[in-house]
C-alpha atoms as a PDB file:
ATOM      1  CA  MET A   1     -69.502 110.859 -96.908  1.00  0.00           C
ATOM      2  CA  ASN A   2     -70.607 114.308 -96.089  1.00  0.00           C
ATOM      3  CA  HIS A   3     -68.232 115.840 -93.772  1.00  0.00           C
ATOM      4  CA  ALA A   4     -70.839 118.009 -91.818  1.00  0.00           C
ATOM      5  CA  GLY A   5     -68.652 118.498 -88.635  1.00  0.00           C
ATOM      6  CA  THR A   6     -69.865 118.945 -85.359  1.00  0.00           C
ATOM      7  CA  ILE A   7     -73.534 120.329 -85.494  1.00  0.00           C
ATOM      8  CA  THR A   8     -76.023 120.924 -82.814  1.00  0.00           C
ATOM      9  CA  LEU A   9     -78.725 118.224 -82.491  1.00  0.00           C
ATOM     10  CA  THR A  10     -81.860 118.498 -80.335  1.00  0.00           C
ATOM     11  CA  THR A  11     -84.315 115.849 -79.296  1.00  0.00           C
ATOM     12  CA  ASP A  12     -87.521 116.378 -76.829  1.00  0.00           C
ATOM     13  CA  ARG A  13     -85.386 116.481 -73.856  1.00  0.00           C
ATOM     14  CA  LEU A  14     -81.623 117.001 -75.027  1.00  0.00           C
ATOM     15  CA  ILE A  15     -79.612 119.273 -76.657  1.00  0.00           C
ATOM     16  CA  LEU A  16     -76.405 117.730 -78.240  1.00  0.00           C
ATOM     17  CA  ARG A  17     -73.850 120.156 -78.936  1.00  0.00           C
ATOM     18  CA  ARG A  18     -69.885 121.036 -78.933  1.00  0.00           C
ATOM     19  CA  PHE A  19     -68.190 121.282 -75.534  1.00  0.00           C
ATOM     20  CA  THR A  20     -67.050 125.000 -74.863  1.00  0.00           C
ATOM     21  CA  VAL A  21     -64.472 126.401 -72.307  1.00  0.00           C
ATOM     22  CA  ASP A  22     -67.213 127.428 -70.301  1.00  0.00           C
ATOM     23  CA  ASP A  23     -68.519 124.256 -69.946  1.00  0.00           C
ATOM     24  CA  THR A  24     -65.143 122.900 -68.096  1.00  0.00           C
ATOM     25  CA  GLU A  25     -66.331 123.475 -64.532  1.00  0.00           C
ATOM     26  CA  ALA A  26     -69.836 122.031 -64.962  1.00  0.00           C
ATOM     27  CA  VAL A  27     -68.210 119.003 -66.815  1.00  0.00           C
ATOM     28  CA  TYR A  28     -66.244 118.329 -63.805  1.00  0.00           C
ATOM     29  CA  ASN A  29     -68.723 119.025 -61.314  1.00  0.00           C
ATOM     30  CA  ASN A  30     -71.392 117.034 -63.163  1.00  0.00           C
ATOM     31  CA  TRP A  31     -70.355 113.746 -65.090  1.00  0.00           C
ATOM     32  CA  THR A  32     -66.719 113.536 -63.904  1.00  0.00           C
ATOM     33  CA  SER A  33     -67.739 113.929 -60.350  1.00  0.00           C
ATOM     34  CA  ASP A  34     -71.522 113.357 -60.645  1.00  0.00           C
ATOM     35  CA  SER A  35     -73.400 117.152 -59.879  1.00  0.00           C
ATOM     36  CA  ASP A  36     -75.246 119.282 -62.265  1.00  0.00           C
ATOM     37  CA  GLU A  37     -74.992 121.229 -65.941  1.00  0.00           C
ATOM     38  CA  PRO A  38     -73.706 118.924 -68.744  1.00  0.00           C
ATOM     39  CA  ILE A  39     -74.749 115.367 -68.208  1.00  0.00           C
ATOM     40  CA  GLY A  40     -72.490 113.380 -70.434  1.00  0.00           C
ATOM     41  CA  ALA A  41     -70.345 113.295 -73.732  1.00  0.00           C
ATOM     42  CA  ILE A  42     -71.076 111.265 -76.782  1.00  0.00           C
ATOM     43  CA  GLY A  43     -69.054 111.136 -79.989  1.00  0.00           C
ATOM     44  CA  LEU A  44     -69.099 109.556 -83.743  1.00  0.00           C
ATOM     45  CA  PHE A  45     -66.023 109.106 -85.106  1.00  0.00           C
ATOM     46  CA  VAL A  46     -64.716 108.312 -88.741  1.00  0.00           C
ATOM     47  CA  VAL A  47     -63.088 104.527 -88.562  1.00  0.00           C
ATOM     48  CA  ASN A  48     -62.710 104.262 -92.373  1.00  0.00           C
ATOM     49  CA  GLU A  49     -63.892 106.758 -94.693  1.00  0.00           C
ATOM     50  CA  GLY A  50     -63.526 104.189 -97.722  1.00  0.00           C
ATOM     51  CA  ASP A  51     -65.913 101.932 -95.978  1.00  0.00           C
ATOM     52  CA  MET A  52     -68.089 104.286 -94.751  1.00  0.00           C
ATOM     53  CA  ARG A  53     -67.812 103.295 -91.225  1.00  0.00           C
ATOM     54  CA  GLY A  54     -67.851 104.855 -88.110  1.00  0.00           C
ATOM     55  CA  ASP A  55     -67.383 104.221 -84.445  1.00  0.00           C
ATOM     56  CA  PHE A  56     -69.709 105.562 -81.751  1.00  0.00           C
ATOM     57  CA  ALA A  57     -68.829 106.191 -77.828  1.00  0.00           C
ATOM     58  CA  TYR A  58     -70.753 107.922 -74.768  1.00  0.00           C
ATOM     59  CA  SER A  59     -70.601 108.672 -71.205  1.00  0.00           C
ATOM     60  CA  ILE A  60     -73.426 109.774 -69.017  1.00  0.00           C
ATOM     61  CA  SER A  61     -73.447 110.998 -65.561  1.00  0.00           C
ATOM     62  CA  ARG A  62     -74.608 107.890 -63.333  1.00  0.00           C
ATOM     63  CA  ARG A  63     -77.531 110.139 -61.711  1.00  0.00           C
ATOM     64  CA  TYR A  64     -78.854 110.018 -65.154  1.00  0.00           C
ATOM     65  CA  TRP A  65     -78.727 106.370 -66.012  1.00  0.00           C
ATOM     66  CA  GLY A  66     -81.993 103.937 -66.446  1.00  0.00           C
ATOM     67  CA  MET A  67     -83.807 107.281 -67.823  1.00  0.00           C
ATOM     68  CA  GLY A  68     -83.621 106.577 -71.424  1.00  0.00           C
ATOM     69  CA  ILE A  69     -81.638 109.382 -71.914  1.00  0.00           C
ATOM     70  CA  ALA A  70     -78.295 107.740 -73.454  1.00  0.00           C
ATOM     71  CA  SER A  71     -80.531 105.962 -75.712  1.00  0.00           C
ATOM     72  CA  GLU A  72     -82.355 109.144 -76.807  1.00  0.00           C
ATOM     73  CA  ALA A  73     -79.300 110.887 -77.626  1.00  0.00           C
ATOM     74  CA  PHE A  74     -77.567 107.671 -79.286  1.00  0.00           C
ATOM     75  CA  LYS A  75     -80.443 107.197 -81.728  1.00  0.00           C
ATOM     76  CA  GLU A  76     -80.194 110.967 -82.629  1.00  0.00           C
ATOM     77  CA  VAL A  77     -76.875 110.792 -83.523  1.00  0.00           C
ATOM     78  CA  LEU A  78     -77.230 107.572 -85.314  1.00  0.00           C
ATOM     79  CA  LYS A  79     -79.910 109.569 -87.326  1.00  0.00           C
ATOM     80  CA  PHE A  80     -77.125 112.607 -88.122  1.00  0.00           C
ATOM     81  CA  ALA A  81     -74.715 109.653 -89.009  1.00  0.00           C
ATOM     82  CA  PHE A  82     -76.711 107.993 -91.564  1.00  0.00           C
ATOM     83  CA  GLU A  83     -79.144 110.870 -92.906  1.00  0.00           C
ATOM     84  CA  ILE A  84     -76.485 113.859 -92.711  1.00  0.00           C
ATOM     85  CA  VAL A  85     -72.855 112.186 -92.994  1.00  0.00           C
ATOM     86  CA  GLY A  86     -73.688 109.247 -94.922  1.00  0.00           C
ATOM     87  CA  PHE A  87     -72.310 106.388 -92.937  1.00  0.00           C
ATOM     88  CA  ASN A  88     -73.215 102.771 -93.921  1.00  0.00           C
ATOM     89  CA  ARG A  89     -72.141 101.193 -90.798  1.00  0.00           C
ATOM     90  CA  ILE A  90     -71.762 102.358 -87.321  1.00  0.00           C
ATOM     91  CA  GLU A  91     -69.901 100.198 -84.726  1.00  0.00           C
ATOM     92  CA  SER A  92     -69.945 100.559 -80.679  1.00  0.00           C
ATOM     93  CA  TYR A  93     -68.433  98.431 -77.977  1.00  0.00           C
ATOM     94  CA  HIS A  94     -69.142  98.394 -74.423  1.00  0.00           C
ATOM     95  CA  SER A  95     -67.224  96.099 -71.370  1.00  0.00           C
ATOM     96  CA  ILE A  96     -68.767  92.748 -70.788  1.00  0.00           C
ATOM     97  CA  ASN A  97     -69.135  94.199 -67.415  1.00  0.00           C
ATOM     98  CA  ASN A  98     -71.313  97.025 -68.466  1.00  0.00           C
ATOM     99  CA  LEU A  99     -74.506  94.899 -69.626  1.00  0.00           C
ATOM    100  CA  ALA A 100     -76.565  98.260 -69.438  1.00  0.00           C
ATOM    101  CA  SER A 101     -74.573  99.726 -72.164  1.00  0.00           C
ATOM    102  CA  GLY A 102     -75.903  96.914 -74.261  1.00  0.00           C
ATOM    103  CA  LYS A 103     -79.135  97.538 -73.478  1.00  0.00           C
ATOM    104  CA  VAL A 104     -78.937 101.255 -74.901  1.00  0.00           C
ATOM    105  CA  MET A 105     -77.341  99.760 -78.325  1.00  0.00           C
ATOM    106  CA  GLN A 106     -79.863  97.322 -78.475  1.00  0.00           C
ATOM    107  CA  LYS A 107     -82.537  99.983 -78.232  1.00  0.00           C
ATOM    108  CA  ALA A 108     -80.947 101.835 -80.737  1.00  0.00           C
ATOM    109  CA  GLY A 109     -81.275  98.988 -83.063  1.00  0.00           C
ATOM    110  CA  MET A 110     -77.546  97.563 -82.779  1.00  0.00           C
ATOM    111  CA  LYS A 111     -77.000  94.097 -83.037  1.00  0.00           C
ATOM    112  CA  LEU A 112     -74.388  92.167 -81.079  1.00  0.00           C
ATOM    113  CA  GLU A 113     -71.703  90.863 -83.449  1.00  0.00           C
ATOM    114  CA  GLY A 114     -69.431  89.120 -81.281  1.00  0.00           C
ATOM    115  CA  LEU A 115     -66.468  89.583 -78.598  1.00  0.00           C
ATOM    116  CA  ALA A 116     -63.369  91.849 -78.867  1.00  0.00           C
ATOM    117  CA  ARG A 117     -60.847  90.511 -76.185  1.00  0.00           C
ATOM    118  CA  GLN A 118     -59.013  92.959 -74.175  1.00  0.00           C
ATOM    119  CA  LYS A 119     -60.164  95.668 -76.374  1.00  0.00           C
ATOM    120  CA  TYR A 120     -59.802  98.391 -73.705  1.00  0.00           C
ATOM    121  CA  LYS A 121     -57.631  99.181 -70.923  1.00  0.00           C
ATOM    122  CA  SER A 122     -59.664 100.256 -67.814  1.00  0.00           C
ATOM    123  CA  ASN A 123     -58.763 101.267 -64.130  1.00  0.00           C
ATOM    124  CA  VAL A 124     -59.364  97.354 -63.803  1.00  0.00           C
ATOM    125  CA  GLY A 125     -57.073  96.228 -66.275  1.00  0.00           C
ATOM    126  CA  PHE A 126     -57.687  95.256 -69.955  1.00  0.00           C
ATOM    127  CA  GLU A 127     -61.149  94.288 -70.421  1.00  0.00           C
ATOM    128  CA  ASP A 128     -63.169  91.996 -72.911  1.00  0.00           C
ATOM    129  CA  SER A 129     -65.918  94.011 -74.894  1.00  0.00           C
ATOM    130  CA  TYR A 130     -68.952  93.009 -76.745  1.00  0.00           C
ATOM    131  CA  MET A 131     -69.168  94.560 -80.209  1.00  0.00           C
ATOM    132  CA  TYR A 132     -72.538  95.862 -81.827  1.00  0.00           C
ATOM    133  CA  SER A 133     -73.360  97.368 -85.248  1.00  0.00           C
ATOM    134  CA  ILE A 134     -76.127  98.909 -87.178  1.00  0.00           C
ATOM    135  CA  LEU A 135     -76.321  99.411 -90.970  1.00  0.00           C
ATOM    136  CA  LYS A 136     -77.864 102.363 -92.591  1.00  0.00           C
ATOM    137  CA  ASN A 137     -80.745 100.162 -94.196  1.00  0.00           C
ATOM    138  CA  GLU A 138     -81.396  98.542 -90.482  1.00  0.00           C
ATOM    139  CA  PHE A 139     -81.797 102.098 -88.920  1.00  0.00           C
ATOM    140  CA  LYS A 140     -85.441 103.336 -88.296  1.00  0.00           C
END
């Protein structure tokens, strides 16, 4: 795998970049309290380097839901994961109570693999999650 670190990625509508200290107030005012400026966060994490397997997570401001922005960002980071870093498999999970996240994963080409019982603890307690994945040879 190629440890490329965090690099800036761009799409037609988005600039995906590392946060800076100068973003602190904008992050709070926007997606942590639904205002302006940075609109979310997206992360790609190595789960097992030997298996070339990663995990993917994101969060986006409520005001930007349903606009295709999360799907656009997701696809760009998957491209980076497969073409630059060299992952073979990317996994992602979402609460069974957040079906919209599953739609984002499906739009990015991910496939539902199953249910992870009580995968995460949230403000409502432990929640079951659906697990999605995509393999390098499936990514278009």
